[in-house]
Amino acid sequence: MVTRRFNLQVQGEDILSIMDSPIKCLGKLIDASLSDKANIGRIRTQLQEGFKQIDRSGLPGIFMVWLFQKSIFPQCVP
């Protein structure tokens, strides 16, 4: 469980916590929940939307595979 016990400061400037501002590192979003459930749901949604867009494109199969490998897969997998 993440709590606010103290504020970190560098040269008088506050450092934001993950409660205030989630960070993304190596494709993984780190937020206050510190759980992978939110990340799994986000990745699942991205994949479903990407597959729908590729399917609606009307391109031949080999081009669909290329789009998946070059655009959707790198976004979802760190």
N, C-alpha and C. Protein backbone atom coordinates (compact mmCIF):
# COMPACT_ATOMS: atom_id res chain seq x y z
N MET A 1 0.83 -1.17 0.00
CA MET A 1 0.00 0.00 0.00
C MET A 1 0.88 1.24 0.00
N VAL A 2 0.57 2.17 -0.86
CA VAL A 2 1.34 3.40 -0.97
C VAL A 2 0.69 4.48 -0.12
N THR A 3 1.49 5.15 0.68
CA THR A 3 0.98 6.23 1.52
C THR A 3 1.84 7.47 1.31
N ARG A 4 1.30 8.59 1.77
CA ARG A 4 2.05 9.86 1.69
C ARG A 4 2.60 10.18 3.09
N ARG A 5 3.80 9.76 3.35
CA ARG A 5 4.39 10.03 4.65
C ARG A 5 5.26 11.28 4.63
N PHE A 6 5.91 11.51 3.51
CA PHE A 6 6.78 12.67 3.41
C PHE A 6 6.93 13.05 1.95
N ASN A 7 7.36 14.28 1.70
CA ASN A 7 7.60 14.75 0.34
C ASN A 7 9.10 14.85 0.10
N LEU A 8 9.54 14.33 -1.01
CA LEU A 8 10.94 14.45 -1.39
C LEU A 8 11.14 15.76 -2.15
N GLN A 9 12.25 16.40 -1.88
CA GLN A 9 12.57 17.65 -2.56
C GLN A 9 14.01 17.63 -3.01
N VAL A 10 14.25 18.22 -4.18
CA VAL A 10 15.60 18.42 -4.69
C VAL A 10 15.72 19.90 -5.02
N GLN A 11 16.64 20.57 -4.39
CA GLN A 11 16.86 22.01 -4.57
C GLN A 11 15.56 22.79 -4.41
N GLY A 12 14.78 22.40 -3.41
CA GLY A 12 13.54 23.10 -3.12
C GLY A 12 12.36 22.74 -4.00
N GLU A 13 12.55 21.86 -4.96
CA GLU A 13 11.47 21.47 -5.88
C GLU A 13 10.95 20.09 -5.49
N ASP A 14 9.62 19.97 -5.35
CA ASP A 14 9.02 18.70 -4.96
C ASP A 14 9.16 17.66 -6.05
N ILE A 15 9.45 16.43 -5.63
CA ILE A 15 9.48 15.28 -6.53
C ILE A 15 8.10 14.64 -6.46
N LEU A 16 7.42 14.50 -7.58
CA LEU A 16 6.08 13.90 -7.61
C LEU A 16 6.15 12.41 -7.29
N SER A 17 5.17 11.94 -6.56
CA SER A 17 5.10 10.51 -6.25
C SER A 17 4.30 9.80 -7.34
N ILE A 18 4.33 8.48 -7.32
CA ILE A 18 3.57 7.74 -8.32
C ILE A 18 2.07 7.86 -8.07
N MET A 19 1.68 8.33 -6.89
CA MET A 19 0.26 8.58 -6.62
C MET A 19 -0.22 9.78 -7.44
N ASP A 20 0.65 10.76 -7.60
CA ASP A 20 0.30 11.98 -8.33
C ASP A 20 0.53 11.84 -9.83
N SER A 21 1.61 11.18 -10.18
CA SER A 21 2.00 11.10 -11.59
C SER A 21 2.61 9.73 -11.89
N PRO A 22 1.83 8.80 -12.46
CA PRO A 22 2.39 7.48 -12.80
C PRO A 22 3.52 7.63 -13.81
N ILE A 23 4.46 6.70 -13.77
CA ILE A 23 5.58 6.73 -14.71
C ILE A 23 5.52 5.49 -15.60
N LYS A 24 6.16 5.60 -16.75
CA LYS A 24 6.23 4.48 -17.68
C LYS A 24 7.70 4.11 -17.84
N CYS A 25 8.02 2.87 -17.56
CA CYS A 25 9.39 2.39 -17.65
C CYS A 25 9.40 1.08 -18.42
N LEU A 26 10.13 1.05 -19.51
CA LEU A 26 10.23 -0.15 -20.36
C LEU A 26 8.86 -0.65 -20.79
N GLY A 27 7.96 0.28 -21.08
CA GLY A 27 6.65 -0.06 -21.58
C GLY A 27 5.63 -0.41 -20.51
N LYS A 28 6.05 -0.45 -19.25
CA LYS A 28 5.14 -0.79 -18.16
C LYS A 28 4.79 0.47 -17.40
N LEU A 29 3.50 0.68 -17.18
CA LEU A 29 3.01 1.83 -16.43
C LEU A 29 3.04 1.49 -14.95
N ILE A 30 3.76 2.29 -14.17
CA ILE A 30 3.85 2.07 -12.73
C ILE A 30 3.04 3.16 -12.05
N ASP A 31 1.97 2.73 -11.37
CA ASP A 31 1.09 3.69 -10.69
C ASP A 31 0.97 3.31 -9.22
N ALA A 32 0.10 4.02 -8.51
CA ALA A 32 -0.02 3.83 -7.06
C ALA A 32 -0.51 2.45 -6.67
N SER A 33 -1.21 1.75 -7.55
CA SER A 33 -1.72 0.42 -7.18
C SER A 33 -0.60 -0.61 -7.08
N LEU A 34 0.50 -0.39 -7.78
CA LEU A 34 1.64 -1.31 -7.81
C LEU A 34 1.21 -2.73 -8.19
N SER A 35 0.18 -2.82 -9.02
CA SER A 35 -0.37 -4.10 -9.43
C SER A 35 -0.29 -4.23 -10.95
N ASP A 36 -0.14 -5.45 -11.41
CA ASP A 36 -0.09 -5.69 -12.85
C ASP A 36 -1.48 -5.83 -13.47
N LYS A 37 -2.52 -5.89 -12.65
CA LYS A 37 -3.88 -6.06 -13.19
C LYS A 37 -4.25 -4.92 -14.12
N ALA A 38 -3.93 -3.70 -13.74
CA ALA A 38 -4.25 -2.54 -14.57
C ALA A 38 -3.46 -2.59 -15.87
N ASN A 39 -2.19 -2.99 -15.80
CA ASN A 39 -1.37 -3.09 -17.00
C ASN A 39 -1.88 -4.17 -17.95
N ILE A 40 -2.30 -5.29 -17.39
CA ILE A 40 -2.82 -6.37 -18.22
C ILE A 40 -4.08 -5.92 -18.94
N GLY A 41 -4.96 -5.23 -18.24
CA GLY A 41 -6.19 -4.72 -18.86
C GLY A 41 -5.88 -3.69 -19.94
N ARG A 42 -4.91 -2.81 -19.69
CA ARG A 42 -4.53 -1.79 -20.67
C ARG A 42 -3.95 -2.43 -21.92
N ILE A 43 -3.08 -3.41 -21.75
CA ILE A 43 -2.47 -4.10 -22.89
C ILE A 43 -3.53 -4.87 -23.68
N ARG A 44 -4.44 -5.53 -22.97
CA ARG A 44 -5.50 -6.28 -23.64
C ARG A 44 -6.37 -5.35 -24.49
N THR A 45 -6.71 -4.18 -23.95
CA THR A 45 -7.51 -3.20 -24.69
C THR A 45 -6.76 -2.70 -25.92
N GLN A 46 -5.46 -2.40 -25.75
CA GLN A 46 -4.66 -1.93 -26.89
C GLN A 46 -4.60 -2.98 -27.99
N LEU A 47 -4.42 -4.24 -27.62
CA LEU A 47 -4.36 -5.30 -28.62
C LEU A 47 -5.69 -5.46 -29.35
N GLN A 48 -6.79 -5.44 -28.61
CA GLN A 48 -8.11 -5.59 -29.23
C GLN A 48 -8.38 -4.45 -30.21
N GLU A 49 -8.09 -3.22 -29.80
CA GLU A 49 -8.30 -2.08 -30.69
C GLU A 49 -7.39 -2.15 -31.91
N GLY A 50 -6.15 -2.54 -31.70
CA GLY A 50 -5.22 -2.67 -32.82
C GLY A 50 -5.67 -3.73 -33.82
N PHE A 51 -6.11 -4.89 -33.30
CA PHE A 51 -6.59 -5.95 -34.18
C PHE A 51 -7.82 -5.50 -34.97
N LYS A 52 -8.71 -4.75 -34.32
CA LYS A 52 -9.91 -4.26 -35.02
C LYS A 52 -9.51 -3.31 -36.15
N GLN A 53 -8.57 -2.42 -35.88
CA GLN A 53 -8.14 -1.47 -36.91
C GLN A 53 -7.48 -2.19 -38.08
N ILE A 54 -6.63 -3.16 -37.78
CA ILE A 54 -5.96 -3.91 -38.85
C ILE A 54 -6.99 -4.71 -39.65
N ASP A 55 -7.94 -5.33 -38.97
CA ASP A 55 -8.96 -6.12 -39.65
C ASP A 55 -9.80 -5.26 -40.58
N ARG A 56 -10.12 -4.04 -40.15
CA ARG A 56 -10.93 -3.14 -40.97
C ARG A 56 -10.16 -2.53 -42.14
N SER A 57 -8.84 -2.68 -42.13
CA SER A 57 -8.02 -2.03 -43.17
C SER A 57 -8.24 -2.64 -44.56
N GLY A 58 -8.62 -3.91 -44.62
CA GLY A 58 -8.85 -4.55 -45.90
C GLY A 58 -7.57 -4.96 -46.61
N LEU A 59 -6.46 -4.95 -45.90
CA LEU A 59 -5.18 -5.34 -46.50
C LEU A 59 -5.06 -6.86 -46.60
N PRO A 60 -4.22 -7.36 -47.53
CA PRO A 60 -3.95 -8.80 -47.59
C PRO A 60 -3.26 -9.28 -46.31
N GLY A 61 -3.32 -10.57 -46.06
CA GLY A 61 -2.82 -11.17 -44.83
C GLY A 61 -1.39 -10.83 -44.47
N ILE A 62 -0.48 -10.87 -45.43
CA ILE A 62 0.94 -10.62 -45.13
C ILE A 62 1.15 -9.19 -44.63
N PHE A 63 0.38 -8.24 -45.15
CA PHE A 63 0.49 -6.86 -44.70
C PHE A 63 -0.10 -6.69 -43.30
N MET A 64 -1.14 -7.47 -43.00
CA MET A 64 -1.71 -7.43 -41.65
C MET A 64 -0.70 -7.93 -40.63
N VAL A 65 0.01 -8.99 -40.97
CA VAL A 65 1.03 -9.53 -40.08
C VAL A 65 2.14 -8.51 -39.89
N TRP A 66 2.55 -7.85 -40.96
CA TRP A 66 3.60 -6.83 -40.89
C TRP A 66 3.18 -5.69 -39.98
N LEU A 67 1.92 -5.23 -40.12
CA LEU A 67 1.42 -4.16 -39.26
C LEU A 67 1.43 -4.58 -37.79
N PHE A 68 1.04 -5.81 -37.53
CA PHE A 68 1.05 -6.29 -36.15
C PHE A 68 2.47 -6.29 -35.59
N GLN A 69 3.43 -6.83 -36.37
CA GLN A 69 4.80 -6.93 -35.89
C GLN A 69 5.46 -5.57 -35.70
N LYS A 70 5.17 -4.64 -36.58
CA LYS A 70 5.88 -3.36 -36.57
C LYS A 70 5.18 -2.24 -35.80
N SER A 71 3.88 -2.37 -35.55
CA SER A 71 3.19 -1.27 -34.87
C SER A 71 2.54 -1.69 -33.56
N ILE A 72 1.75 -2.73 -33.56
CA ILE A 72 1.00 -3.09 -32.36
C ILE A 72 1.89 -3.83 -31.36
N PHE A 73 2.59 -4.83 -31.78
CA PHE A 73 3.40 -5.65 -30.86
C PHE A 73 4.42 -4.82 -30.09
N PRO A 74 5.20 -3.94 -30.75
CA PRO A 74 6.18 -3.15 -29.98
C PRO A 74 5.55 -2.20 -28.96
N GLN A 75 4.33 -1.75 -29.19
CA GLN A 75 3.67 -0.86 -28.24
C GLN A 75 3.22 -1.60 -26.99
N CYS A 76 2.84 -2.85 -27.15
CA CYS A 76 2.25 -3.60 -26.04
C CYS A 76 3.27 -4.39 -25.23
N VAL A 77 4.35 -4.79 -25.84
CA VAL A 77 5.33 -5.64 -25.16
C VAL A 77 6.62 -4.85 -24.98
N PRO A 78 7.08 -4.72 -23.72
CA PRO A 78 8.32 -3.96 -23.48
C PRO A 78 9.54 -4.66 -24.01
